[in-house]
């Protein structure tokens, strides 16, 4: 897989409804996984979207998730720039460069779904996430 850059939208419990709507607008193939599918035992979040991805025939990619309890959901700031792919050296280099002066909220490390993942807000206030496929 090549690396990609795309928007990642966060929602307050209605990510599935939103991404299904965007599919009616943009078309494409939709994949949705819940927190429960990845082993989260909490009943309050097991059916929430941990990751949804819409890929369209035009080459657009839109990713979505529900904001789990304990994390801030604030409309207007619920969009993140996502860098993802399987070229670990390239993506780790982007992570290192973006980390300069950044506030790191999730260190770049292996996650329960098997990928390396990290999340930060760069020195300009732009939130980023980096996911390196396992």
Protein backbone atom coordinates (compact mmCIF):
# COMPACT_ATOMS: atom_id res chain seq x y z
CA UNK A 1 0.00 0.00 0.00
CA UNK A 2 1.25 3.46 -0.78
CA UNK A 3 1.17 6.16 1.86
CA UNK A 4 -1.87 8.40 1.94
CA UNK A 5 -2.90 11.69 3.48
CA UNK A 6 -6.58 12.24 4.22
CA UNK A 7 -9.03 13.83 6.67
CA UNK A 8 -10.07 11.89 9.77
CA UNK A 9 -13.34 13.05 11.36
CA UNK A 10 -14.37 12.46 14.97
CA UNK A 11 -17.97 12.20 16.13
CA UNK A 12 -19.89 12.01 19.40
CA UNK A 13 -21.54 8.61 18.96
CA UNK A 14 -22.93 9.03 15.43
CA UNK A 15 -19.89 8.21 13.26
CA UNK A 16 -21.66 5.29 11.59
CA UNK A 17 -24.65 7.44 10.64
CA UNK A 18 -22.36 10.19 9.33
CA UNK A 19 -20.11 7.94 7.22
CA UNK A 20 -23.12 6.08 5.81
CA UNK A 21 -24.52 9.48 4.77
CA UNK A 22 -21.19 10.45 3.16
CA UNK A 23 -21.30 7.16 1.26
CA UNK A 24 -24.70 8.12 -0.22
CA UNK A 25 -23.13 11.41 -1.31
CA UNK A 26 -19.73 10.19 -2.57
CA UNK A 27 -20.36 6.51 -3.30
CA UNK A 28 -17.59 4.01 -2.69
CA UNK A 29 -16.73 1.12 -0.44
CA UNK A 30 -17.26 1.45 3.31
CA UNK A 31 -15.59 -0.56 6.08
CA UNK A 32 -16.55 -0.02 9.71
CA UNK A 33 -15.06 -1.59 12.85
CA UNK A 34 -16.34 -1.10 16.39
CA UNK A 35 -14.40 -0.85 19.64
CA UNK A 36 -15.95 -4.18 20.63
CA UNK A 37 -14.52 -5.90 17.55
CA UNK A 38 -11.06 -4.87 18.75
CA UNK A 39 -11.65 -6.26 22.25
CA UNK A 40 -12.91 -3.26 24.22
CA UNK A 41 -15.07 -4.84 26.94
CA UNK A 42 -16.85 -1.67 28.12
CA UNK A 43 -20.56 -1.89 27.22
CA UNK A 44 -20.74 1.90 26.78
CA UNK A 45 -18.31 1.85 23.82
CA UNK A 46 -18.43 -1.68 22.36
CA UNK A 47 -20.80 -0.63 19.54
CA UNK A 48 -19.17 2.74 18.83
CA UNK A 49 -17.04 3.12 15.70
CA UNK A 50 -13.35 2.73 16.43
CA UNK A 51 -12.45 3.13 12.76
CA UNK A 52 -14.50 3.62 9.62
CA UNK A 53 -13.08 4.16 6.16
CA UNK A 54 -14.81 5.21 2.97
CA UNK A 55 -12.81 4.76 -0.27
CA UNK A 56 -14.40 6.13 -3.43
CA UNK A 57 -13.87 5.40 -7.11
CA UNK A 58 -12.54 8.96 -7.51
CA UNK A 59 -9.68 8.16 -5.14
CA UNK A 60 -11.10 10.00 -2.11
CA UNK A 61 -10.58 8.51 1.34
CA UNK A 62 -12.52 9.64 4.40
CA UNK A 63 -11.88 8.12 7.82
CA UNK A 64 -14.13 8.44 10.87
CA UNK A 65 -14.42 7.36 14.49
CA UNK A 66 -16.51 7.98 17.56
CA UNK A 67 -14.84 9.81 20.43
CA UNK A 68 -14.56 7.43 23.39
CA UNK A 69 -15.55 8.58 26.89
CA UNK A 70 -12.80 10.55 28.59
CA UNK A 71 -11.59 12.18 25.37
CA UNK A 72 -12.76 15.66 24.43
CA UNK A 73 -15.25 16.05 21.61
CA UNK A 74 -15.49 19.62 20.41
CA UNK A 75 -17.32 20.40 17.15
CA UNK A 76 -15.20 22.57 14.91
CA UNK A 77 -11.99 20.90 16.03
CA UNK A 78 -13.04 17.34 15.27
CA UNK A 79 -10.90 16.89 12.17
CA UNK A 80 -7.38 15.46 12.08
CA UNK A 81 -4.91 14.96 9.25
CA UNK A 82 -4.13 11.25 8.87
CA UNK A 83 -0.91 9.84 7.41
CA UNK A 84 -1.04 6.09 6.89
CA UNK A 85 0.58 3.29 4.94
CA UNK A 86 3.09 0.50 5.28
CA UNK A 87 6.37 2.33 4.56
CA UNK A 88 7.50 2.46 8.17
CA UNK A 89 10.73 4.37 7.52
CA UNK A 90 8.95 7.08 5.55
CA UNK A 91 6.10 7.47 8.04
CA UNK A 92 8.42 7.39 11.09
CA UNK A 93 10.40 10.18 9.41
CA UNK A 94 7.23 12.25 9.02
CA UNK A 95 6.38 11.54 12.68
CA UNK A 96 9.81 12.68 13.85
CA UNK A 97 9.63 15.89 11.80
CA UNK A 98 6.08 16.69 12.92
CA UNK A 99 7.06 16.00 16.57
CA UNK A 100 9.38 19.03 16.71
CA UNK A 101 7.65 21.41 19.12
CA UNK A 102 4.51 19.26 19.10
CA UNK A 103 2.24 18.10 21.91
CA UNK A 104 2.20 14.31 21.69
CA UNK A 105 -1.07 12.80 22.91
CA UNK A 106 -0.37 9.18 21.83
CA UNK A 107 3.27 8.11 21.35
CA UNK A 108 4.05 6.30 18.09
CA UNK A 109 3.99 2.66 19.22
CA UNK A 110 2.33 -0.69 18.53
CA UNK A 111 -1.40 -0.72 19.27
CA UNK A 112 -3.99 -3.42 20.04
CA UNK A 113 -4.98 -3.64 16.36
CA UNK A 114 -1.41 -4.56 15.41
CA UNK A 115 -0.25 -1.33 13.73
CA UNK A 116 2.09 1.36 15.00
CA UNK A 117 0.05 4.48 15.74
CA UNK A 118 0.71 7.91 17.18
CA UNK A 119 -1.18 11.15 17.55
CA UNK A 120 0.09 14.68 18.09
CA UNK A 121 -0.78 18.33 17.66
CA UNK A 122 1.98 20.11 15.79
CA UNK A 123 3.51 23.43 16.80
CA UNK A 124 0.93 25.24 14.64
CA UNK A 125 -2.04 23.65 16.42
CA UNK A 126 -2.85 21.12 13.67
CA UNK A 127 -3.74 17.62 14.91
CA UNK A 128 -2.08 14.68 13.10
CA UNK A 129 -2.23 10.91 13.39
CA UNK A 130 0.27 8.49 11.88
CA UNK A 131 -0.59 4.81 11.34
CA UNK A 132 1.98 2.31 10.06
CA UNK A 133 0.36 -0.92 8.89
CA UNK A 134 1.49 -4.07 10.70
